[in-house]
């Protein structure tokens, strides 16, 4: 029973995670928002961004040590490169 409760809590956390802008979020926000990204990998994302500039595509994230294609694929729907409002304006302009 205890395992079931823990599983439900973990699953509900992942379901309620919101998309995250990897170009301006802090490591804590990234780790809480993306599946398979803990604090250490989130800090690596922030450091890479600081050293190399903003991410432009999902593929750019695979340049971060410890972030592979599978992790990016699993989180593709939750990774943003600009604010949702900015993305909507960009889509409206097309």
N, C-alpha and C. Protein backbone atom coordinates (compact mmCIF):
# COMPACT_ATOMS: atom_id res chain seq x y z
N UNK A 1 0.82 -1.20 0.00
CA UNK A 1 0.00 0.00 0.00
C UNK A 1 0.86 1.25 0.00
N UNK A 2 1.93 1.22 0.80
CA UNK A 2 2.82 2.37 0.89
C UNK A 2 3.47 2.66 -0.47
N UNK A 3 3.87 1.58 -1.18
CA UNK A 3 4.48 1.75 -2.51
C UNK A 3 3.49 2.37 -3.49
N UNK A 4 2.24 1.98 -3.39
CA UNK A 4 1.21 2.52 -4.27
C UNK A 4 1.02 4.02 -4.04
N UNK A 5 1.02 4.42 -2.80
CA UNK A 5 0.86 5.85 -2.47
C UNK A 5 2.05 6.65 -3.01
N UNK A 6 3.25 6.13 -2.83
CA UNK A 6 4.45 6.81 -3.33
C UNK A 6 4.40 6.91 -4.85
N UNK A 7 4.01 5.83 -5.51
CA UNK A 7 3.89 5.83 -6.96
C UNK A 7 2.88 6.87 -7.44
N UNK A 8 1.74 6.95 -6.79
CA UNK A 8 0.72 7.93 -7.15
C UNK A 8 1.24 9.36 -6.98
N UNK A 9 1.96 9.61 -5.92
CA UNK A 9 2.52 10.94 -5.69
C UNK A 9 3.51 11.29 -6.78
N UNK A 10 4.39 10.36 -7.12
CA UNK A 10 5.38 10.61 -8.16
C UNK A 10 4.72 10.84 -9.52
N UNK A 11 3.75 10.03 -9.85
CA UNK A 11 3.06 10.19 -11.13
C UNK A 11 2.29 11.50 -11.20
N UNK A 12 1.67 11.89 -10.13
CA UNK A 12 0.91 13.14 -10.14
C UNK A 12 1.86 14.33 -10.27
N UNK A 13 3.06 14.22 -9.72
CA UNK A 13 4.03 15.31 -9.85
C UNK A 13 4.43 15.50 -11.30
N UNK A 14 4.73 14.41 -11.99
CA UNK A 14 5.13 14.51 -13.39
C UNK A 14 4.00 15.02 -14.28
N UNK A 15 2.77 14.66 -13.97
CA UNK A 15 1.64 15.09 -14.77
C UNK A 15 1.40 16.59 -14.61
N UNK A 16 1.65 17.12 -13.41
CA UNK A 16 1.38 18.53 -13.16
C UNK A 16 2.55 19.44 -13.52
N UNK A 17 3.67 18.86 -13.94
CA UNK A 17 4.82 19.69 -14.31
C UNK A 17 4.44 20.59 -15.49
N UNK A 18 4.93 21.82 -15.42
CA UNK A 18 4.63 22.78 -16.48
C UNK A 18 5.81 22.88 -17.43
N UNK A 19 5.56 23.30 -18.65
CA UNK A 19 6.68 23.53 -19.57
C UNK A 19 7.64 24.56 -18.97
N UNK A 20 8.90 24.41 -19.33
CA UNK A 20 9.93 25.28 -18.76
C UNK A 20 10.79 25.88 -19.87
N UNK A 21 11.08 27.15 -19.74
CA UNK A 21 11.96 27.83 -20.68
C UNK A 21 13.40 27.57 -20.23
N UNK A 22 14.11 26.75 -20.99
CA UNK A 22 15.48 26.39 -20.61
C UNK A 22 16.46 27.53 -20.82
N UNK A 23 16.02 28.61 -21.42
CA UNK A 23 16.90 29.75 -21.63
C UNK A 23 16.85 30.79 -20.52
N UNK A 24 15.91 30.65 -19.58
CA UNK A 24 15.91 31.61 -18.48
C UNK A 24 15.55 31.02 -17.12
N UNK A 25 15.17 29.74 -17.08
CA UNK A 25 14.81 29.11 -15.81
C UNK A 25 16.06 28.78 -15.00
N UNK A 26 15.91 28.80 -13.68
CA UNK A 26 17.02 28.39 -12.83
C UNK A 26 17.04 26.86 -12.74
N UNK A 27 18.12 26.33 -12.18
CA UNK A 27 18.31 24.89 -12.12
C UNK A 27 17.20 24.18 -11.35
N UNK A 28 16.74 24.77 -10.27
CA UNK A 28 15.68 24.15 -9.47
C UNK A 28 14.41 24.00 -10.30
N UNK A 29 14.03 25.04 -11.02
CA UNK A 29 12.83 25.00 -11.85
C UNK A 29 12.96 23.95 -12.95
N UNK A 30 14.13 23.90 -13.58
CA UNK A 30 14.36 22.92 -14.65
C UNK A 30 14.24 21.50 -14.08
N UNK A 31 14.88 21.25 -12.94
CA UNK A 31 14.85 19.90 -12.38
C UNK A 31 13.45 19.49 -11.94
N UNK A 32 12.65 20.44 -11.50
CA UNK A 32 11.29 20.13 -11.07
C UNK A 32 10.34 19.96 -12.26
N UNK A 33 10.70 20.50 -13.41
CA UNK A 33 9.79 20.51 -14.55
C UNK A 33 10.05 19.41 -15.58
N UNK A 34 11.26 18.90 -15.63
CA UNK A 34 11.60 17.93 -16.68
C UNK A 34 11.87 16.55 -16.10
N UNK A 35 11.35 15.53 -16.77
CA UNK A 35 11.53 14.14 -16.35
C UNK A 35 12.97 13.70 -16.61
N UNK A 36 13.56 13.03 -15.63
CA UNK A 36 14.91 12.50 -15.80
C UNK A 36 16.01 13.53 -15.63
N UNK A 37 15.63 14.75 -15.23
CA UNK A 37 16.60 15.81 -15.02
C UNK A 37 16.60 16.14 -13.53
N UNK A 38 17.67 15.74 -12.87
CA UNK A 38 17.82 16.07 -11.46
C UNK A 38 18.55 17.40 -11.31
N UNK A 39 18.85 17.74 -10.10
CA UNK A 39 19.50 19.02 -9.81
C UNK A 39 20.85 19.14 -10.51
N UNK A 40 21.65 18.08 -10.52
CA UNK A 40 22.99 18.14 -11.12
C UNK A 40 22.91 18.39 -12.62
N UNK A 41 22.03 17.67 -13.32
CA UNK A 41 21.89 17.88 -14.76
C UNK A 41 21.29 19.25 -15.05
N UNK A 42 20.37 19.69 -14.22
CA UNK A 42 19.78 21.02 -14.41
C UNK A 42 20.86 22.10 -14.24
N UNK A 43 21.73 21.92 -13.27
CA UNK A 43 22.83 22.88 -13.09
C UNK A 43 23.77 22.86 -14.30
N UNK A 44 23.97 21.68 -14.89
CA UNK A 44 24.79 21.59 -16.10
C UNK A 44 24.13 22.34 -17.26
N UNK A 45 22.82 22.28 -17.36
CA UNK A 45 22.09 23.02 -18.40
C UNK A 45 22.30 24.51 -18.21
N UNK A 46 22.15 24.98 -16.99
CA UNK A 46 22.32 26.41 -16.70
C UNK A 46 23.76 26.84 -16.98
N UNK A 47 24.73 26.02 -16.59
CA UNK A 47 26.14 26.36 -16.82
C UNK A 47 26.45 26.40 -18.32
N UNK A 48 25.95 25.41 -19.06
CA UNK A 48 26.17 25.38 -20.51
C UNK A 48 25.58 26.63 -21.16
N UNK A 49 24.39 26.99 -20.74
CA UNK A 49 23.72 28.19 -21.27
C UNK A 49 24.54 29.43 -20.96
N UNK A 50 25.08 29.50 -19.77
CA UNK A 50 25.89 30.64 -19.36
C UNK A 50 27.18 30.73 -20.19
N UNK A 51 27.78 29.58 -20.45
CA UNK A 51 29.05 29.55 -21.20
C UNK A 51 28.87 29.71 -22.71
N UNK A 52 27.75 29.24 -23.26
CA UNK A 52 27.58 29.14 -24.71
C UNK A 52 26.42 29.94 -25.30
N UNK A 53 25.63 30.57 -24.45
CA UNK A 53 24.49 31.33 -24.95
C UNK A 53 23.23 30.50 -24.97
N UNK A 54 22.17 31.12 -25.41
CA UNK A 54 20.83 30.51 -25.39
C UNK A 54 20.74 29.28 -26.28
N UNK A 55 19.92 28.34 -25.84
CA UNK A 55 19.61 27.16 -26.65
C UNK A 55 18.65 27.60 -27.74
N UNK A 56 18.85 27.08 -28.94
CA UNK A 56 17.99 27.44 -30.06
C UNK A 56 17.10 26.27 -30.50
N UNK A 57 17.50 25.05 -30.16
CA UNK A 57 16.73 23.88 -30.58
C UNK A 57 16.88 22.77 -29.55
N UNK A 58 16.02 21.78 -29.65
CA UNK A 58 16.11 20.62 -28.77
C UNK A 58 17.46 19.94 -28.90
N UNK A 59 17.97 19.87 -30.12
CA UNK A 59 19.24 19.22 -30.38
C UNK A 59 20.38 19.89 -29.60
N UNK A 60 20.30 21.20 -29.40
CA UNK A 60 21.34 21.92 -28.64
C UNK A 60 21.50 21.35 -27.23
N UNK A 61 20.43 20.88 -26.65
CA UNK A 61 20.48 20.36 -25.29
C UNK A 61 21.34 19.10 -25.19
N UNK A 62 21.49 18.36 -26.28
CA UNK A 62 22.30 17.15 -26.24
C UNK A 62 23.79 17.48 -26.13
N UNK A 63 24.15 18.75 -26.29
CA UNK A 63 25.54 19.17 -26.10
C UNK A 63 25.90 19.27 -24.62
N UNK A 64 24.91 19.26 -23.76
CA UNK A 64 25.13 19.33 -22.31
C UNK A 64 25.52 17.94 -21.82
N UNK A 65 26.62 17.86 -21.08
CA UNK A 65 27.08 16.57 -20.56
C UNK A 65 25.98 15.95 -19.69
N UNK A 66 25.65 14.70 -20.01
CA UNK A 66 24.64 13.98 -19.25
C UNK A 66 23.24 14.06 -19.82
N UNK A 67 23.05 14.87 -20.87
CA UNK A 67 21.73 14.99 -21.50
C UNK A 67 21.80 14.31 -22.86
N UNK A 68 21.07 13.22 -23.00
CA UNK A 68 21.08 12.48 -24.26
C UNK A 68 19.81 12.71 -25.06
N UNK A 69 19.80 12.12 -26.23
CA UNK A 69 18.66 12.27 -27.13
C UNK A 69 17.37 11.75 -26.50
N UNK A 70 17.45 10.64 -25.78
CA UNK A 70 16.26 10.04 -25.18
C UNK A 70 15.65 10.98 -24.14
N UNK A 71 16.50 11.62 -23.32
CA UNK A 71 16.01 12.57 -22.32
C UNK A 71 15.32 13.74 -23.01
N UNK A 72 15.92 14.23 -24.07
CA UNK A 72 15.33 15.35 -24.82
C UNK A 72 14.00 14.92 -25.42
N UNK A 73 13.96 13.75 -26.03
CA UNK A 73 12.71 13.24 -26.63
C UNK A 73 11.61 13.11 -25.58
N UNK A 74 11.95 12.60 -24.41
CA UNK A 74 10.96 12.40 -23.35
C UNK A 74 10.40 13.72 -22.82
N UNK A 75 11.12 14.81 -23.01
CA UNK A 75 10.71 16.10 -22.48
C UNK A 75 10.37 17.12 -23.56
N UNK A 76 10.37 16.72 -24.80
CA UNK A 76 10.21 17.66 -25.91
C UNK A 76 9.00 18.57 -25.76
N UNK A 77 7.90 18.05 -25.27
CA UNK A 77 6.68 18.85 -25.15
C UNK A 77 6.75 19.86 -24.00
N UNK A 78 7.69 19.67 -23.09
CA UNK A 78 7.78 20.55 -21.92
C UNK A 78 8.97 21.51 -21.98
N UNK A 79 9.72 21.51 -23.08
CA UNK A 79 10.88 22.39 -23.22
C UNK A 79 10.51 23.56 -24.10
N UNK A 80 10.70 24.75 -23.55
CA UNK A 80 10.46 25.99 -24.29
C UNK A 80 11.78 26.73 -24.46
N UNK A 81 11.86 27.52 -25.51
CA UNK A 81 13.04 28.34 -25.75
C UNK A 81 12.74 29.82 -25.61
N UNK A 82 11.47 30.15 -25.46
CA UNK A 82 11.02 31.52 -25.18
C UNK A 82 9.77 31.41 -24.34
N UNK A 83 9.26 32.52 -23.88
CA UNK A 83 8.06 32.50 -23.06
C UNK A 83 6.87 32.03 -23.89
N UNK A 84 5.86 31.41 -23.27
CA UNK A 84 4.68 30.97 -24.03
C UNK A 84 4.01 32.12 -24.77
N UNK A 85 3.99 33.29 -24.17
CA UNK A 85 3.36 34.45 -24.83
C UNK A 85 4.13 34.80 -26.10
N UNK A 86 5.45 34.77 -26.02
CA UNK A 86 6.30 35.08 -27.17
C UNK A 86 6.10 34.05 -28.27
N UNK A 87 6.00 32.79 -27.89
CA UNK A 87 5.80 31.71 -28.87
C UNK A 87 4.45 31.89 -29.57
N UNK A 88 3.42 32.28 -28.84
CA UNK A 88 2.11 32.48 -29.46
C UNK A 88 2.16 33.62 -30.45
N UNK A 89 2.85 34.70 -30.13
CA UNK A 89 2.99 35.82 -31.05
C UNK A 89 3.74 35.38 -32.30
N UNK A 90 4.82 34.55 -32.11
CA UNK A 90 5.57 34.07 -33.25
C UNK A 90 4.69 33.22 -34.16
N UNK A 91 3.87 32.34 -33.58
CA UNK A 91 2.99 31.48 -34.37
C UNK A 91 1.93 32.29 -35.10
N UNK A 92 1.43 33.35 -34.47
CA UNK A 92 0.40 34.20 -35.09
C UNK A 92 0.99 34.95 -36.29
N UNK A 93 2.27 35.29 -36.22
CA UNK A 93 2.91 36.04 -37.29
C UNK A 93 3.14 35.18 -38.53
N UNK A 94 3.17 33.84 -38.37
CA UNK A 94 3.44 32.95 -39.50
C UNK A 94 2.29 32.80 -40.39
